[in-house]
């Protein structure tokens, strides 16, 4: 597998977003996430987005 500079940049952005969502809470990482894990991650991201939008009002 070859990682292009653009791909590396996308990964860096995702990692920063993940760190922001974690908000200082340690995260367990797995090479494969279950559907439940993905649903939990999406829900947490949506909650954080909604909180940011409320703070911006």
PDB file of N, CA and C in Angstrom:
ATOM      1  N   UNK A   1       0.845  -1.174   0.000  1.00  0.00           N
ATOM      2  CA  UNK A   1       0.000   0.000   0.000  1.00  0.00           C
ATOM      3  C   UNK A   1       0.890   1.237   0.000  1.00  0.00           C
ATOM      4  N   UNK A   2       0.563   2.173  -0.839  1.00  0.00           N
ATOM      5  CA  UNK A   2       1.311   3.423  -0.936  1.00  0.00           C
ATOM      6  C   UNK A   2       0.437   4.540  -0.392  1.00  0.00           C
ATOM      7  N   UNK A   3       1.009   5.338   0.465  1.00  0.00           N
ATOM      8  CA  UNK A   3       0.290   6.479   1.041  1.00  0.00           C
ATOM      9  C   UNK A   3       0.795   7.752   0.384  1.00  0.00           C
ATOM     10  N   UNK A   4      -0.079   8.398  -0.340  1.00  0.00           N
ATOM     11  CA  UNK A   4       0.287   9.639  -1.013  1.00  0.00           C
ATOM     12  C   UNK A   4       0.340  10.777   0.014  1.00  0.00           C
ATOM     13  N   UNK A   5       0.987  11.877  -0.319  1.00  0.00           N
ATOM     14  CA  UNK A   5       0.971  13.026   0.584  1.00  0.00           C
ATOM     15  C   UNK A   5      -0.451  13.504   0.888  1.00  0.00           C
ATOM     16  N   UNK A   6      -1.320  13.454  -0.117  1.00  0.00           N
ATOM     17  CA  UNK A   6      -2.706  13.871   0.107  1.00  0.00           C
ATOM     18  C   UNK A   6      -3.408  12.902   1.061  1.00  0.00           C
ATOM     19  N   UNK A   7      -3.134  11.620   0.918  1.00  0.00           N
ATOM     20  CA  UNK A   7      -3.708  10.624   1.817  1.00  0.00           C
ATOM     21  C   UNK A   7      -3.216  10.811   3.244  1.00  0.00           C
ATOM     22  N   UNK A   8      -1.929  11.111   3.371  1.00  0.00           N
ATOM     23  CA  UNK A   8      -1.362  11.358   4.704  1.00  0.00           C
ATOM     24  C   UNK A   8      -1.999  12.588   5.341  1.00  0.00           C
ATOM     25  N   UNK A   9      -2.246  13.612   4.545  1.00  0.00           N
ATOM     26  CA  UNK A   9      -2.892  14.816   5.065  1.00  0.00           C
ATOM     27  C   UNK A   9      -4.304  14.508   5.538  1.00  0.00           C
ATOM     28  N   UNK A  10      -5.035  13.704   4.772  1.00  0.00           N
ATOM     29  CA  UNK A  10      -6.406  13.322   5.171  1.00  0.00           C
ATOM     30  C   UNK A  10      -6.385  12.558   6.493  1.00  0.00           C
ATOM     31  N   UNK A  11      -5.421  11.662   6.646  1.00  0.00           N
ATOM     32  CA  UNK A  11      -5.309  10.906   7.897  1.00  0.00           C
ATOM     33  C   UNK A  11      -5.007  11.844   9.054  1.00  0.00           C
ATOM     34  N   UNK A  12      -4.126  12.803   8.835  1.00  0.00           N
ATOM     35  CA  UNK A  12      -3.798  13.767   9.889  1.00  0.00           C
ATOM     36  C   UNK A  12      -5.036  14.560  10.301  1.00  0.00           C
ATOM     37  N   UNK A  13      -5.847  14.958   9.328  1.00  0.00           N
ATOM     38  CA  UNK A  13      -7.086  15.693   9.627  1.00  0.00           C
ATOM     39  C   UNK A  13      -8.025  14.802  10.434  1.00  0.00           C
ATOM     40  N   UNK A  14      -8.172  13.560  10.017  1.00  0.00           N
ATOM     41  CA  UNK A  14      -9.054  12.630  10.747  1.00  0.00           C
ATOM     42  C   UNK A  14      -8.579  12.431  12.176  1.00  0.00           C
ATOM     43  N   UNK A  15      -7.268  12.308  12.354  1.00  0.00           N
ATOM     44  CA  UNK A  15      -6.737  12.123  13.709  1.00  0.00           C
ATOM     45  C   UNK A  15      -7.013  13.340  14.585  1.00  0.00           C
ATOM     46  N   UNK A  16      -6.877  14.520  14.019  1.00  0.00           N
ATOM     47  CA  UNK A  16      -7.197  15.732  14.777  1.00  0.00           C
ATOM     48  C   UNK A  16      -8.672  15.790  15.127  1.00  0.00           C
ATOM     49  N   UNK A  17      -9.519  15.383  14.196  1.00  0.00           N
ATOM     50  CA  UNK A  17     -10.957  15.354  14.465  1.00  0.00           C
ATOM     51  C   UNK A  17     -11.274  14.329  15.548  1.00  0.00           C
ATOM     52  N   UNK A  18     -10.640  13.177  15.486  1.00  0.00           N
ATOM     53  CA  UNK A  18     -10.843  12.140  16.494  1.00  0.00           C
ATOM     54  C   UNK A  18     -10.393  12.626  17.862  1.00  0.00           C
ATOM     55  N   UNK A  19      -9.267  13.317  17.918  1.00  0.00           N
ATOM     56  CA  UNK A  19      -8.782  13.860  19.185  1.00  0.00           C
ATOM     57  C   UNK A  19      -9.764  14.878  19.748  1.00  0.00           C
ATOM     58  N   UNK A  20     -10.356  15.681  18.882  1.00  0.00           N
ATOM     59  CA  UNK A  20     -11.331  16.680  19.340  1.00  0.00           C
ATOM     60  C   UNK A  20     -12.577  16.002  19.882  1.00  0.00           C
ATOM     61  N   UNK A  21     -13.040  14.958  19.203  1.00  0.00           N
ATOM     62  CA  UNK A  21     -14.226  14.230  19.656  1.00  0.00           C
ATOM     63  C   UNK A  21     -13.949  13.551  20.991  1.00  0.00           C
ATOM     64  N   UNK A  22     -12.738  13.030  21.163  1.00  0.00           N
ATOM     65  CA  UNK A  22     -12.390  12.320  22.392  1.00  0.00           C
ATOM     66  C   UNK A  22     -12.389  13.253  23.587  1.00  0.00           C
ATOM     67  N   UNK A  23     -12.057  14.520  23.352  1.00  0.00           N
ATOM     68  CA  UNK A  23     -12.075  15.515  24.418  1.00  0.00           C
ATOM     69  C   UNK A  23     -11.282  15.071  25.643  1.00  0.00           C
ATOM     70  N   UNK A  24     -10.091  14.509  25.404  1.00  0.00           N
ATOM     71  CA  UNK A  24      -9.209  14.113  26.495  1.00  0.00           C
ATOM     72  C   UNK A  24      -9.469  12.724  27.055  1.00  0.00           C
ATOM     73  N   UNK A  25     -10.476  12.036  26.552  1.00  0.00           N
ATOM     74  CA  UNK A  25     -10.783  10.686  27.028  1.00  0.00           C
ATOM     75  C   UNK A  25      -9.961   9.690  26.220  1.00  0.00           C
ATOM     76  N   UNK A  26      -9.265   8.765  26.883  1.00  0.00           N
ATOM     77  CA  UNK A  26      -8.490   7.767  26.136  1.00  0.00           C
ATOM     78  C   UNK A  26      -9.399   6.940  25.223  1.00  0.00           C
ATOM     79  N   UNK A  27      -8.927   6.676  24.025  1.00  0.00           N
ATOM     80  CA  UNK A  27      -9.696   5.902  23.057  1.00  0.00           C
ATOM     81  C   UNK A  27      -9.022   4.559  22.826  1.00  0.00           C
ATOM     82  N   UNK A  28      -9.828   3.519  22.715  1.00  0.00           N
ATOM     83  CA  UNK A  28      -9.311   2.224  22.316  1.00  0.00           C
ATOM     84  C   UNK A  28      -9.360   2.170  20.798  1.00  0.00           C
ATOM     85  N   UNK A  29      -8.299   1.694  20.187  1.00  0.00           N
ATOM     86  CA  UNK A  29      -8.263   1.621  18.740  1.00  0.00           C
ATOM     87  C   UNK A  29      -8.269   0.170  18.309  1.00  0.00           C
ATOM     88  N   UNK A  30      -8.998  -0.105  17.262  1.00  0.00           N
ATOM     89  CA  UNK A  30      -9.069  -1.432  16.687  1.00  0.00           C
ATOM     90  C   UNK A  30      -8.933  -1.311  15.187  1.00  0.00           C
ATOM     91  N   UNK A  31      -8.338  -2.310  14.586  1.00  0.00           N
ATOM     92  CA  UNK A  31      -8.232  -2.330  13.129  1.00  0.00           C
ATOM     93  C   UNK A  31      -9.585  -2.525  12.472  1.00  0.00           C
ATOM     94  N   UNK A  32     -10.519  -3.047  13.223  1.00  0.00           N
ATOM     95  CA  UNK A  32     -11.871  -3.223  12.677  1.00  0.00           C
ATOM     96  C   UNK A  32     -12.883  -2.815  13.738  1.00  0.00           C
ATOM     97  N   UNK A  33     -13.820  -2.016  13.339  1.00  0.00           N
ATOM     98  CA  UNK A  33     -14.843  -1.519  14.249  1.00  0.00           C
ATOM     99  C   UNK A  33     -16.150  -2.224  13.935  1.00  0.00           C
ATOM    100  N   UNK A  34     -16.880  -2.585  14.978  1.00  0.00           N
ATOM    101  CA  UNK A  34     -18.185  -3.203  14.783  1.00  0.00           C
ATOM    102  C   UNK A  34     -19.184  -2.129  14.363  1.00  0.00           C
ATOM    103  N   UNK A  35     -20.343  -2.568  13.898  1.00  0.00           N
ATOM    104  CA  UNK A  35     -21.392  -1.615  13.548  1.00  0.00           C
ATOM    105  C   UNK A  35     -21.801  -0.804  14.776  1.00  0.00           C
ATOM    106  N   UNK A  36     -21.820  -1.443  15.939  1.00  0.00           N
ATOM    107  CA  UNK A  36     -22.161  -0.734  17.181  1.00  0.00           C
ATOM    108  C   UNK A  36     -21.115   0.336  17.495  1.00  0.00           C
ATOM    109  N   UNK A  37     -19.832  -0.008  17.309  1.00  0.00           N
ATOM    110  CA  UNK A  37     -18.764   0.979  17.521  1.00  0.00           C
ATOM    111  C   UNK A  37     -18.935   2.169  16.590  1.00  0.00           C
ATOM    112  N   UNK A  38     -19.224   1.897  15.323  1.00  0.00           N
ATOM    113  CA  UNK A  38     -19.393   2.971  14.352  1.00  0.00           C
ATOM    114  C   UNK A  38     -20.594   3.834  14.709  1.00  0.00           C
ATOM    115  N   UNK A  39     -21.691   3.198  15.141  1.00  0.00           N
ATOM    116  CA  UNK A  39     -22.882   3.961  15.524  1.00  0.00           C
ATOM    117  C   UNK A  39     -22.580   4.848  16.726  1.00  0.00           C
ATOM    118  N   UNK A  40     -21.835   4.321  17.704  1.00  0.00           N
ATOM    119  CA  UNK A  40     -21.455   5.114  18.876  1.00  0.00           C
ATOM    120  C   UNK A  40     -20.582   6.297  18.474  1.00  0.00           C
ATOM    121  N   UNK A  41     -19.639   6.065  17.571  1.00  0.00           N
ATOM    122  CA  UNK A  41     -18.753   7.140  17.122  1.00  0.00           C
ATOM    123  C   UNK A  41     -19.532   8.216  16.374  1.00  0.00           C
ATOM    124  N   UNK A  42     -20.458   7.795  15.517  1.00  0.00           N
ATOM    125  CA  UNK A  42     -21.276   8.772  14.786  1.00  0.00           C
ATOM    126  C   UNK A  42     -22.131   9.588  15.749  1.00  0.00           C
ATOM    127  N   UNK A  43     -22.724   8.913  16.722  1.00  0.00           N
ATOM    128  CA  UNK A  43     -23.582   9.614  17.691  1.00  0.00           C
ATOM    129  C   UNK A  43     -22.770  10.625  18.490  1.00  0.00           C
ATOM    130  N   UNK A  44     -21.573  10.238  18.918  1.00  0.00           N
ATOM    131  CA  UNK A  44     -20.718  11.157  19.678  1.00  0.00           C
ATOM    132  C   UNK A  44     -20.318  12.351  18.820  1.00  0.00           C
ATOM    133  N   UNK A  45     -20.000  12.105  17.559  1.00  0.00           N
ATOM    134  CA  UNK A  45     -19.616  13.194  16.668  1.00  0.00           C
ATOM    135  C   UNK A  45     -20.790  14.144  16.445  1.00  0.00           C
ATOM    136  N   UNK A  46     -21.978  13.596  16.296  1.00  0.00           N
ATOM    137  CA  UNK A  46     -23.159  14.442  16.092  1.00  0.00           C
ATOM    138  C   UNK A  46     -23.451  15.269  17.342  1.00  0.00           C
ATOM    139  N   UNK A  47     -23.308  14.666  18.518  1.00  0.00           N
ATOM    140  CA  UNK A  47     -23.534  15.424  19.759  1.00  0.00           C
ATOM    141  C   UNK A  47     -22.549  16.584  19.848  1.00  0.00           C
ATOM    142  N   UNK A  48     -21.294  16.320  19.524  1.00  0.00           N
ATOM    143  CA  UNK A  48     -20.294  17.380  19.601  1.00  0.00           C
ATOM    144  C   UNK A  48     -20.585  18.473  18.575  1.00  0.00           C
ATOM    145  N   UNK A  49     -20.988  18.092  17.381  1.00  0.00           N
ATOM    146  CA  UNK A  49     -21.321  19.074  16.355  1.00  0.00           C
ATOM    147  C   UNK A  49     -22.486  19.941  16.808  1.00  0.00           C
ATOM    148  N   UNK A  50     -23.508  19.321  17.377  1.00  0.00           N
ATOM    149  CA  UNK A  50     -24.656  20.076  17.863  1.00  0.00           C
ATOM    150  C   UNK A  50     -24.260  21.041  18.979  1.00  0.00           C
ATOM    151  N   UNK A  51     -23.362  20.591  19.875  1.00  0.00           N
ATOM    152  CA  UNK A  51     -22.900  21.466  20.955  1.00  0.00           C
ATOM    153  C   UNK A  51     -22.138  22.658  20.391  1.00  0.00           C
ATOM    154  N   UNK A  52     -21.287  22.418  19.391  1.00  0.00           N
ATOM    155  CA  UNK A  52     -20.529  23.510  18.781  1.00  0.00           C
ATOM    156  C   UNK A  52     -21.478  24.505  18.100  1.00  0.00           C
ATOM    157  N   UNK A  53     -22.494  23.977  17.429  1.00  0.00           N
ATOM    158  CA  UNK A  53     -23.439  24.856  16.752  1.00  0.00           C
ATOM    159  C   UNK A  53     -24.195  25.702  17.757  1.00  0.00           C
ATOM    160  N   UNK A  54     -24.574  25.129  18.902  1.00  0.00           N
ATOM    161  CA  UNK A  54     -25.280  25.885  19.941  1.00  0.00           C
ATOM    162  C   UNK A  54     -24.382  26.987  20.507  1.00  0.00           C
ATOM    163  N   UNK A  55     -23.098  26.680  20.686  1.00  0.00           N
ATOM    164  CA  UNK A  55     -22.167  27.660  21.225  1.00  0.00           C
ATOM    165  C   UNK A  55     -21.931  28.792  20.227  1.00  0.00           C
ATOM    166  N   UNK A  56     -22.068  28.487  18.945  1.00  0.00           N
ATOM    167  CA  UNK A  56     -21.851  29.501  17.918  1.00  0.00           C
ATOM    168  C   UNK A  56     -23.023  30.441  17.743  1.00  0.00           C
ATOM    169  N   UNK A  57     -24.181  30.076  18.297  1.00  0.00           N
ATOM    170  CA  UNK A  57     -25.383  30.926  18.148  1.00  0.00           C
ATOM    171  C   UNK A  57     -25.310  32.171  18.984  1.00  0.00           C
TER     172      UNK A  57
END
